[in-house]
Amino acid sequence: MSGEAGGCPVGTVRGPDLTDPATYRDADYFAQWRRARRDHPVVRLESPRFGAFWSVTAHAAARQVLERPESFTSTRGMRLGGEPAAVSAASGRMLVVSDGPAHTRLRSAHAPWFAGQAVSRLKDALRSRLDALLADLADGSPVDVPARLARPLPTWLVCGMLGVPEEDWEELALLAAAAFDETETSTASARRAASAGVFAYFAELLEKRRADPGDDLVSALVHQPGGDRLTDEEILLTCDGLVNGGLGTTRHAVSGAVLAFAAHPRQWERLRADRGLVPTAVEEILRWVSPPLHIMRTATEDVLLGGARIRAGERVVLWIPSCNRDESVFAEPDAFRVDRRPNPHLGLGGGPHYCIGASLARLELRTLLRALLDHVARFESDPVLTRTPSTFLHGLDRLEVTLIPAADAAACSPAESEDP
């Protein structure tokens, strides 16, 4: 990949192609990001797959982009490789590709469902399901963590919130995964078909909830009072965004959390000794794993960013895992520490587009950790794992870990006093 910064050529940026999904399966991309933060934290790259864009690997520059939507808009797409026609159709109608008043209106419509009290109501049901699952998985046998633990957890929560019948959960999760499948066996037409399948499913569900509303987000949006209610198209785009965001990023956070503790057993021992560290451990998981691999914006005006002059209309890509390992912000950034404070990670984004499901993601991870603490004494990992070949999501396709059961798991009660 070639590059230039501040309008001046800087030669060739050596290393694997960050826009090639295979890079995140085979290469030491963290080493490349370390060099980039040192030598060219904001640099213009030419990608064989996606053309020219500005690459940002430093925390301060990324935060500046996220916090200035007037200069860096999301309305022209928030990721590399997005279908231009789909982005154009969704712009101003879908939360992640809207700014200004349109973004405020869309966010206000479903923000109440992500408020603390609404989210906390899900905790008991989630804990009950996790206890039953972990009682089965923590038997001293190898567990396929992405399939057996990481995929079910967000599926239970997101599908339950949207009012998706339980018999449809697996089908919807598979469709959402196929829509972002960047493996060599996937095709653009297959991804489009999967995405269309998600829309078709929610179009049918929307009509069912219009006639027979329930206690779920789709029903609430369909029957929203007032004259500024969302259109059916906006509701479908909302559902699509919540499924893609909720099922994708949290799934990788769960797998990454298990890998982190398997690779750092002393941190698990410390958490077992002091459960008061669960909230800070959640933030460290979000930093360490960084499930969103990149976030994209487009400059609306000429602007100076990290010494580079960005021109209006140029795309800017923020590599979130790199920003969350920035040495100028995080002490010992490559160390996993459950007591890390402060922890201003960008794992949930920033600025006006700070993840609307942040409280939900934290609830899932807190509940997971507390259930694991009750059921698992330690993790024993298979040294072989497979990272996800994706330019958008940062995670694992395969991770086999043996969950050594806690001797007192049977006596544990999920009814202990916990933060919501």
Protein backbone atom coordinates (compact mmCIF):
# COMPACT_ATOMS: atom_id res chain seq x y z
CA MET A 1 0.00 0.00 0.00
CA SER A 2 1.46 3.39 -0.96
CA GLY A 3 1.03 6.48 1.17
CA GLU A 4 1.51 10.22 1.59
CA ALA A 5 0.98 12.56 4.52
CA GLY A 6 0.38 16.28 4.67
CA GLY A 7 0.38 16.35 0.88
CA CYS A 8 3.98 15.09 0.75
CA PRO A 9 4.96 11.62 -0.47
CA VAL A 10 6.31 9.31 2.20
CA GLY A 11 7.09 6.33 0.01
CA THR A 12 5.59 2.90 0.58
CA VAL A 13 3.90 1.83 3.79
CA ARG A 14 5.38 -1.62 4.30
CA GLY A 15 3.48 -4.55 5.71
CA PRO A 16 0.29 -6.51 5.07
CA ASP A 17 -2.63 -4.87 3.30
CA LEU A 18 -4.99 -3.66 6.05
CA THR A 19 -7.91 -3.76 3.59
CA ASP A 20 -7.42 -7.46 2.83
CA PRO A 21 -9.58 -9.67 5.12
CA ALA A 22 -6.90 -12.38 5.08
CA THR A 23 -4.54 -9.99 6.88
CA TYR A 24 -6.50 -10.47 10.09
CA ARG A 25 -6.17 -14.23 9.93
CA ASP A 26 -2.47 -14.67 9.22
CA ALA A 27 -0.37 -11.53 9.72
CA ASP A 28 0.97 -9.69 12.76
CA TYR A 29 -1.08 -6.62 12.01
CA PHE A 30 -0.58 -5.23 15.53
CA ALA A 31 3.13 -4.87 14.73
CA GLN A 32 2.27 -2.88 11.63
CA TRP A 33 -0.04 -0.65 13.64
CA ARG A 34 2.73 -0.04 16.19
CA ARG A 35 5.03 1.13 13.39
CA ALA A 36 2.25 3.26 11.92
CA ARG A 37 1.57 5.04 15.22
CA ARG A 38 5.28 5.81 15.46
CA ASP A 39 6.01 6.77 11.83
CA HIS A 40 2.79 7.83 10.10
CA PRO A 41 -0.30 7.85 12.40
CA VAL A 42 -2.35 9.67 9.74
CA VAL A 43 -1.40 8.62 6.22
CA ARG A 44 -3.07 8.45 2.82
CA LEU A 45 -3.21 4.91 1.46
CA GLU A 46 -4.11 3.39 -1.88
CA SER A 47 -6.00 0.13 -1.45
CA PRO A 48 -6.34 -2.40 -4.30
CA ARG A 49 -9.80 -3.21 -2.96
CA PHE A 50 -11.23 0.15 -1.95
CA GLY A 51 -9.15 2.90 -3.56
CA ALA A 52 -7.69 5.88 -1.71
CA PHE A 53 -8.42 6.75 1.92
CA TRP A 54 -6.72 8.27 4.95
CA SER A 55 -5.62 5.71 7.54
CA VAL A 56 -5.70 6.74 11.23
CA THR A 57 -3.97 4.57 13.82
CA ALA A 58 -3.57 7.09 16.70
CA HIS A 59 -6.09 7.65 19.50
CA ALA A 60 -6.09 11.48 19.52
CA ALA A 61 -6.70 11.81 15.78
CA ALA A 62 -9.42 9.16 15.85
CA ARG A 63 -11.21 10.88 18.73
CA GLN A 64 -11.06 14.18 16.83
CA VAL A 65 -12.76 12.55 13.85
CA LEU A 66 -15.45 10.90 15.97
CA GLU A 67 -16.24 14.08 17.89
CA ARG A 68 -16.54 16.40 14.87
CA PRO A 69 -19.41 15.18 12.66
CA GLU A 70 -19.62 18.62 11.08
CA SER A 71 -16.17 17.99 9.54
CA PHE A 72 -16.27 14.19 9.24
CA THR A 73 -19.67 12.87 8.21
CA SER A 74 -21.07 9.36 8.48
CA THR A 75 -23.78 10.00 5.88
CA ARG A 76 -21.58 8.70 3.03
CA GLY A 77 -20.92 5.39 4.72
CA MET A 78 -19.34 4.22 7.95
CA ARG A 79 -17.23 1.32 6.65
CA LEU A 80 -15.05 0.41 3.71
CA GLY A 81 -16.77 -1.85 1.20
CA GLY A 82 -20.31 -0.65 1.83
CA GLU A 83 -22.64 -0.84 -1.17
CA PRO A 84 -22.93 2.75 -2.50
CA ALA A 85 -26.59 2.31 -3.48
CA ALA A 86 -27.46 0.88 -0.06
CA VAL A 87 -25.61 3.69 1.74
CA SER A 88 -27.40 6.30 -0.35
CA ALA A 89 -30.79 4.74 0.36
CA ALA A 90 -30.11 4.53 4.11
CA SER A 91 -28.40 7.91 4.55
CA GLY A 92 -30.41 10.09 6.93
CA ARG A 93 -32.78 7.19 7.64
CA MET A 94 -30.46 4.82 9.53
CA LEU A 95 -28.67 5.76 12.74
CA VAL A 96 -25.11 4.85 11.72
CA VAL A 97 -25.26 6.83 8.47
CA SER A 98 -27.01 9.95 9.77
CA ASP A 99 -25.81 13.17 11.34
CA GLY A 100 -27.33 16.33 12.79
CA PRO A 101 -31.12 16.58 13.30
CA ALA A 102 -31.79 13.30 11.44
CA HIS A 103 -29.44 11.45 13.76
CA THR A 104 -30.96 13.08 16.85
CA ARG A 105 -34.49 12.14 15.73
CA LEU A 106 -33.59 8.50 15.02
CA ARG A 107 -31.60 8.10 18.22
CA SER A 108 -34.38 9.59 20.34
CA ALA A 109 -36.91 7.13 18.92
CA HIS A 110 -35.28 4.03 20.33
CA ALA A 111 -32.90 5.38 22.99
CA PRO A 112 -35.41 4.62 25.82
CA TRP A 113 -34.99 0.92 25.10
CA PHE A 114 -31.30 1.20 25.90
CA ALA A 115 -31.68 3.22 29.10
CA GLY A 116 -30.43 1.68 32.33
CA GLN A 117 -33.81 0.58 33.74
CA ALA A 118 -35.01 -0.98 30.49
CA VAL A 119 -31.75 -2.86 30.01
CA SER A 120 -31.57 -4.04 33.63
CA ARG A 121 -34.90 -5.88 33.20
CA LEU A 122 -33.10 -8.26 30.83
CA LYS A 123 -30.43 -9.21 33.37
CA ASP A 124 -32.24 -11.96 35.27
CA ALA A 125 -33.39 -13.81 32.14
CA LEU A 126 -29.91 -13.54 30.65
CA ARG A 127 -28.27 -14.82 33.86
CA SER A 128 -30.67 -17.75 34.04
CA ARG A 129 -29.85 -18.80 30.48
CA LEU A 130 -26.12 -18.40 31.09
CA ASP A 131 -26.24 -20.51 34.27
CA ALA A 132 -27.97 -23.32 32.40
CA LEU A 133 -25.54 -23.11 29.48
CA LEU A 134 -22.39 -22.96 31.60
CA ALA A 135 -23.55 -25.84 33.77
CA ASP A 136 -23.44 -27.87 30.57
CA LEU A 137 -20.25 -26.40 29.07
CA ALA A 138 -18.05 -26.30 32.19
CA ASP A 139 -17.46 -30.04 32.39
CA GLY A 140 -13.73 -30.20 31.65
CA SER A 141 -14.24 -30.83 27.92
CA PRO A 142 -13.10 -28.52 25.07
CA VAL A 143 -15.69 -25.92 24.10
CA ASP A 144 -16.04 -24.20 20.73
CA VAL A 145 -16.42 -20.76 22.33
CA PRO A 146 -17.59 -18.73 19.29
CA ALA A 147 -20.32 -21.24 18.43
CA ARG A 148 -21.39 -22.49 21.87
CA LEU A 149 -21.10 -19.34 24.00
CA ALA A 150 -20.34 -16.20 22.00
CA ARG A 151 -23.08 -16.50 19.40
CA PRO A 152 -25.98 -17.47 21.71
CA LEU A 153 -25.44 -14.67 24.25
CA PRO A 154 -26.12 -11.61 22.04
CA THR A 155 -28.72 -13.57 20.07
CA TRP A 156 -30.79 -14.09 23.23
CA LEU A 157 -30.66 -10.42 24.12
CA VAL A 158 -31.05 -8.70 20.74
CA CYS A 159 -33.70 -11.03 19.36
CA GLY A 160 -35.59 -10.89 22.64
CA MET A 161 -35.52 -7.09 22.63
CA LEU A 162 -36.80 -6.98 19.04
CA GLY A 163 -39.57 -9.49 19.74
CA VAL A 164 -38.22 -12.16 17.38
CA PRO A 165 -39.82 -15.54 18.20
CA GLU A 166 -37.29 -17.94 19.67
CA GLU A 167 -37.75 -20.47 16.87
CA ASP A 168 -36.42 -17.84 14.42
CA TRP A 169 -33.33 -16.79 16.38
CA GLU A 170 -30.89 -19.18 14.72
CA GLU A 171 -32.08 -18.34 11.19
CA LEU A 172 -31.76 -14.60 11.81
CA ALA A 173 -28.30 -14.95 13.37
CA LEU A 174 -27.08 -16.94 10.36
CA LEU A 175 -28.47 -14.35 7.93
CA ALA A 176 -26.80 -11.50 9.82
CA ALA A 177 -23.46 -13.34 9.83
CA ALA A 178 -23.72 -14.11 6.10
CA ALA A 179 -24.37 -10.44 5.30
CA PHE A 180 -20.86 -9.57 6.55
CA ASP A 181 -19.05 -12.76 5.51
CA GLU A 182 -15.75 -11.81 3.86
CA THR A 183 -14.31 -15.32 3.57
CA GLU A 184 -13.11 -16.49 0.16
CA THR A 185 -16.20 -18.67 -0.30
CA SER A 186 -18.56 -15.72 0.09
CA THR A 187 -19.66 -13.50 -2.80
CA ALA A 188 -21.08 -10.00 -3.03
CA SER A 189 -24.36 -11.42 -4.33
CA ALA A 190 -24.57 -13.83 -1.38
CA ARG A 191 -23.99 -10.95 1.07
CA ARG A 192 -26.67 -8.87 -0.65
CA ALA A 193 -29.10 -11.80 -0.54
CA ALA A 194 -28.46 -12.32 3.18
CA SER A 195 -28.97 -8.62 3.87
CA ALA A 196 -32.21 -8.69 1.88
CA GLY A 197 -33.27 -11.71 3.92
CA VAL A 198 -32.86 -9.74 7.16
CA PHE A 199 -34.99 -6.91 5.75
CA ALA A 200 -37.65 -9.33 4.50
CA TYR A 201 -37.84 -10.99 7.89
CA PHE A 202 -38.39 -7.72 9.73
CA ALA A 203 -40.86 -6.46 7.13
CA GLU A 204 -43.03 -9.48 7.95
CA LEU A 205 -42.50 -9.06 11.69
CA LEU A 206 -43.40 -5.36 11.45
CA GLU A 207 -46.79 -6.19 9.96
CA LYS A 208 -47.41 -8.81 12.64
CA ARG A 209 -46.62 -6.31 15.39
CA ARG A 210 -48.79 -3.67 13.74
CA ALA A 211 -51.77 -6.01 14.06
CA ASP A 212 -50.77 -7.65 17.33
CA PRO A 213 -48.30 -5.54 19.35
CA GLY A 214 -46.17 -6.99 22.12
CA ASP A 215 -43.71 -5.76 24.73
CA ASP A 216 -40.79 -5.32 22.32
CA LEU A 217 -38.92 -2.64 20.42
CA VAL A 218 -40.51 -3.32 17.03
CA SER A 219 -44.00 -2.96 18.52
CA ALA A 220 -42.98 0.25 20.30
CA LEU A 221 -41.63 1.79 17.09
CA VAL A 222 -44.62 0.74 14.98
CA HIS A 223 -47.06 2.19 17.52
CA GLN A 224 -44.96 5.18 18.52
CA PRO A 225 -47.21 8.14 19.43
CA GLY A 226 -46.81 11.64 18.03
CA GLY A 227 -46.47 13.13 14.59
CA ASP A 228 -42.74 12.49 14.16
CA ARG A 229 -42.85 8.70 14.32
CA LEU A 230 -40.44 6.64 12.25
CA THR A 231 -41.53 5.46 8.83
CA ASP A 232 -41.73 1.74 8.12
CA GLU A 233 -38.51 2.02 6.10
CA GLU A 234 -36.74 3.69 9.03
CA ILE A 235 -37.96 0.99 11.40
CA LEU A 236 -36.62 -1.74 9.10
CA LEU A 237 -33.27 0.05 8.86
CA THR A 238 -33.22 0.35 12.66
CA CYS A 239 -33.83 -3.39 13.05
CA ASP A 240 -31.14 -4.18 10.50
CA GLY A 241 -28.65 -1.95 12.30
CA LEU A 242 -29.41 -3.42 15.72
CA VAL A 243 -29.11 -7.00 14.47
CA ASN A 244 -25.87 -6.38 12.62
CA GLY A 245 -24.34 -4.34 15.44
CA GLY A 246 -25.65 -6.33 18.37
CA LEU A 247 -24.98 -9.81 17.02
CA GLY A 248 -21.62 -9.03 15.44
CA THR A 249 -19.59 -6.93 17.86
CA THR A 250 -20.75 -8.50 21.13
CA ARG A 251 -20.15 -11.99 19.77
CA HIS A 252 -16.51 -11.11 19.21
CA ALA A 253 -16.25 -9.39 22.59
CA VAL A 254 -17.37 -12.61 24.32
CA SER A 255 -14.88 -14.82 22.44
CA GLY A 256 -12.14 -12.26 22.99
CA ALA A 257 -12.87 -12.12 26.71
CA VAL A 258 -12.46 -15.87 27.09
CA LEU A 259 -9.25 -15.80 25.07
CA ALA A 260 -7.89 -12.93 27.18
CA PHE A 261 -8.44 -14.80 30.44
CA ALA A 262 -7.15 -18.07 29.01
CA ALA A 263 -3.98 -16.29 27.90
CA HIS A 264 -3.67 -14.29 31.15
CA PRO A 265 -4.63 -16.72 33.95
CA ARG A 266 -3.34 -14.42 36.69
CA GLN A 267 -5.89 -11.81 35.64
CA TRP A 268 -8.64 -14.41 36.01
CA GLU A 269 -7.30 -15.31 39.45
CA ARG A 270 -7.32 -11.65 40.41
CA LEU A 271 -10.91 -11.22 39.24
CA ARG A 272 -11.96 -14.32 41.19
CA ALA A 273 -10.33 -12.84 44.28
CA ASP A 274 -12.02 -9.45 43.84
CA ARG A 275 -15.35 -9.38 42.01
CA GLY A 276 -15.49 -5.64 42.52
CA LEU A 277 -13.17 -5.46 39.51
CA VAL A 278 -15.87 -6.76 37.13
CA PRO A 279 -16.81 -3.28 35.78
CA THR A 280 -13.19 -2.34 35.04
CA ALA A 281 -12.61 -5.80 33.56
CA VAL A 282 -15.49 -5.16 31.14
CA GLU A 283 -13.87 -1.92 29.96
CA GLU A 284 -10.54 -3.69 29.55
CA ILE A 285 -12.20 -6.40 27.45
CA LEU A 286 -13.72 -3.73 25.21
CA ARG A 287 -10.29 -2.12 24.82
CA TRP A 288 -8.32 -5.34 24.44
CA VAL A 289 -10.68 -7.01 21.96
CA SER A 290 -11.89 -3.89 20.08
CA PRO A 291 -14.63 -5.72 18.13
CA PRO A 292 -15.14 -2.94 15.54
CA LEU A 293 -12.04 -3.23 13.35
CA HIS A 294 -12.56 0.10 11.66
CA ILE A 295 -14.91 3.07 11.51
CA MET A 296 -15.05 5.29 8.43
CA ARG A 297 -16.00 8.93 7.95
CA THR A 298 -15.86 11.30 4.96
CA ALA A 299 -14.44 14.82 5.23
CA THR A 300 -16.98 17.56 4.52
CA GLU A 301 -14.32 20.28 4.33
CA ASP A 302 -10.58 20.71 4.08
CA VAL A 303 -9.22 20.00 7.54
CA LEU A 304 -5.90 19.40 9.28
CA LEU A 305 -5.70 16.07 11.11
CA GLY A 306 -2.56 14.91 12.87
CA GLY A 307 -0.40 17.07 10.60
CA ALA A 308 -2.06 15.80 7.42
CA ARG A 309 -4.28 17.98 5.25
CA ILE A 310 -7.49 16.10 4.49
CA ARG A 311 -9.46 17.37 1.51
CA ALA A 312 -13.25 17.60 1.38
CA GLY A 313 -14.71 14.37 0.00
CA GLU A 314 -11.83 12.15 1.12
CA ARG A 315 -12.52 9.10 3.28
CA VAL A 316 -10.93 8.68 6.70
CA VAL A 317 -10.62 5.22 8.27
CA LEU A 318 -10.01 4.77 12.00
CA TRP A 319 -8.40 1.46 13.00
CA ILE A 320 -9.97 1.01 16.44
CA PRO A 321 -7.76 -1.83 17.79
CA SER A 322 -4.70 0.28 17.01
CA CYS A 323 -6.14 3.37 18.69
CA ASN A 324 -6.90 1.27 21.76
CA ARG A 325 -3.23 0.23 21.98
CA ASP A 326 -1.86 3.77 21.62
CA GLU A 327 1.21 4.09 23.86
CA SER A 328 0.60 7.80 24.41
CA VAL A 329 -2.77 7.05 26.04
CA PHE A 330 -2.51 3.61 27.64
CA ALA A 331 0.30 2.52 29.94
CA GLU A 332 1.60 -0.90 28.86
CA PRO A 333 -1.00 -1.01 26.07
CA ASP A 334 -0.29 -4.63 25.13
CA ALA A 335 -0.91 -5.83 28.70
CA PHE A 336 -4.37 -7.11 29.66
CA ARG A 337 -5.21 -5.71 33.12
CA VAL A 338 -8.59 -6.07 34.79
CA ASP A 339 -7.91 -3.08 37.05
CA ARG A 340 -6.91 -0.63 34.31
CA ARG A 341 -7.82 2.96 35.18
CA PRO A 342 -8.30 5.26 33.42
CA ASN A 343 -9.42 3.46 30.29
CA PRO A 344 -10.62 5.93 27.61
CA HIS A 345 -10.94 3.24 24.94
CA LEU A 346 -12.81 3.71 21.68
CA GLY A 347 -14.26 0.21 21.61
CA LEU A 348 -17.78 1.68 21.63
CA GLY A 349 -16.96 4.60 19.34
CA GLY A 350 -17.21 8.20 20.46
CA GLY A 351 -18.91 11.54 19.89
CA PRO A 352 -22.58 11.72 18.80
CA HIS A 353 -22.32 8.19 17.37
CA TYR A 354 -21.19 6.64 20.65
CA CYS A 355 -22.75 3.17 20.57
CA ILE A 356 -26.43 3.43 21.48
CA GLY A 357 -26.24 -0.17 22.72
CA ALA A 358 -23.31 0.53 25.08
CA SER A 359 -25.38 -0.19 28.20
CA LEU A 360 -26.59 -3.43 26.63
CA ALA A 361 -23.06 -4.52 25.69
CA ARG A 362 -21.81 -3.80 29.20
CA LEU A 363 -24.74 -5.67 30.73
CA GLU A 364 -23.95 -8.72 28.59
CA LEU A 365 -20.28 -8.72 29.53
CA ARG A 366 -20.88 -8.05 33.24
CA THR A 367 -23.44 -10.83 33.41
CA LEU A 368 -21.16 -13.17 31.48
CA LEU A 369 -18.20 -12.51 33.77
CA ARG A 370 -20.25 -13.03 36.93
CA ALA A 371 -21.66 -16.29 35.58
CA LEU A 372 -18.20 -17.48 34.53
CA LEU A 373 -16.84 -16.61 37.98
CA ASP A 374 -19.48 -18.85 39.54
CA HIS A 375 -18.98 -21.75 37.17
CA VAL A 376 -15.36 -21.71 35.98
CA ALA A 377 -12.21 -22.09 38.06
CA ARG A 378 -9.84 -21.58 35.14
CA PHE A 379 -9.53 -21.78 31.36
CA GLU A 380 -7.29 -24.13 29.42
CA SER A 381 -6.94 -23.07 25.80
CA ASP A 382 -6.08 -24.95 22.66
CA PRO A 383 -3.07 -23.14 21.12
CA VAL A 384 -4.80 -23.23 17.73
CA LEU A 385 -7.34 -20.50 17.03
CA THR A 386 -8.72 -18.93 13.87
CA ARG A 387 -9.21 -15.20 13.56
CA THR A 388 -12.08 -13.78 11.53
CA PRO A 389 -11.07 -12.78 7.99
CA SER A 390 -12.85 -9.42 7.94
CA THR A 391 -12.03 -5.77 7.42
CA PHE A 392 -14.98 -4.68 9.54
CA LEU A 393 -15.20 -6.97 12.60
CA HIS A 394 -12.22 -7.90 14.77
CA GLY A 395 -12.65 -11.31 16.32
CA LEU A 396 -12.41 -15.08 16.28
CA ASP A 397 -14.07 -17.74 14.16
CA ARG A 398 -12.61 -20.59 16.20
CA LEU A 399 -11.36 -20.85 19.75
CA GLU A 400 -11.35 -24.11 21.68
CA VAL A 401 -11.11 -23.67 25.43
CA THR A 402 -11.63 -26.14 28.23
CA LEU A 403 -13.67 -24.69 31.09
CA ILE A 404 -12.45 -26.25 34.32
CA PRO A 405 -15.48 -26.19 36.62
CA ALA A 406 -15.46 -24.38 39.94
CA ALA A 407 -15.85 -26.77 42.84
CA ASP A 408 -18.62 -24.67 44.35
CA ALA A 409 -20.52 -23.94 41.11
CA ALA A 410 -23.57 -25.90 42.21
CA ALA A 411 -23.91 -23.76 45.33
CA CYS A 412 -23.75 -20.42 43.50
CA SER A 413 -26.84 -18.30 43.29
CA PRO A 414 -27.55 -15.77 40.51
CA ALA A 415 -29.65 -13.78 42.96
CA GLU A 416 -26.63 -12.12 44.59
CA SER A 417 -26.67 -8.34 44.80
CA GLU A 418 -25.17 -6.89 41.63
CA ASP A 419 -25.07 -3.62 39.75
CA PRO A 420 -27.64 -3.59 36.91
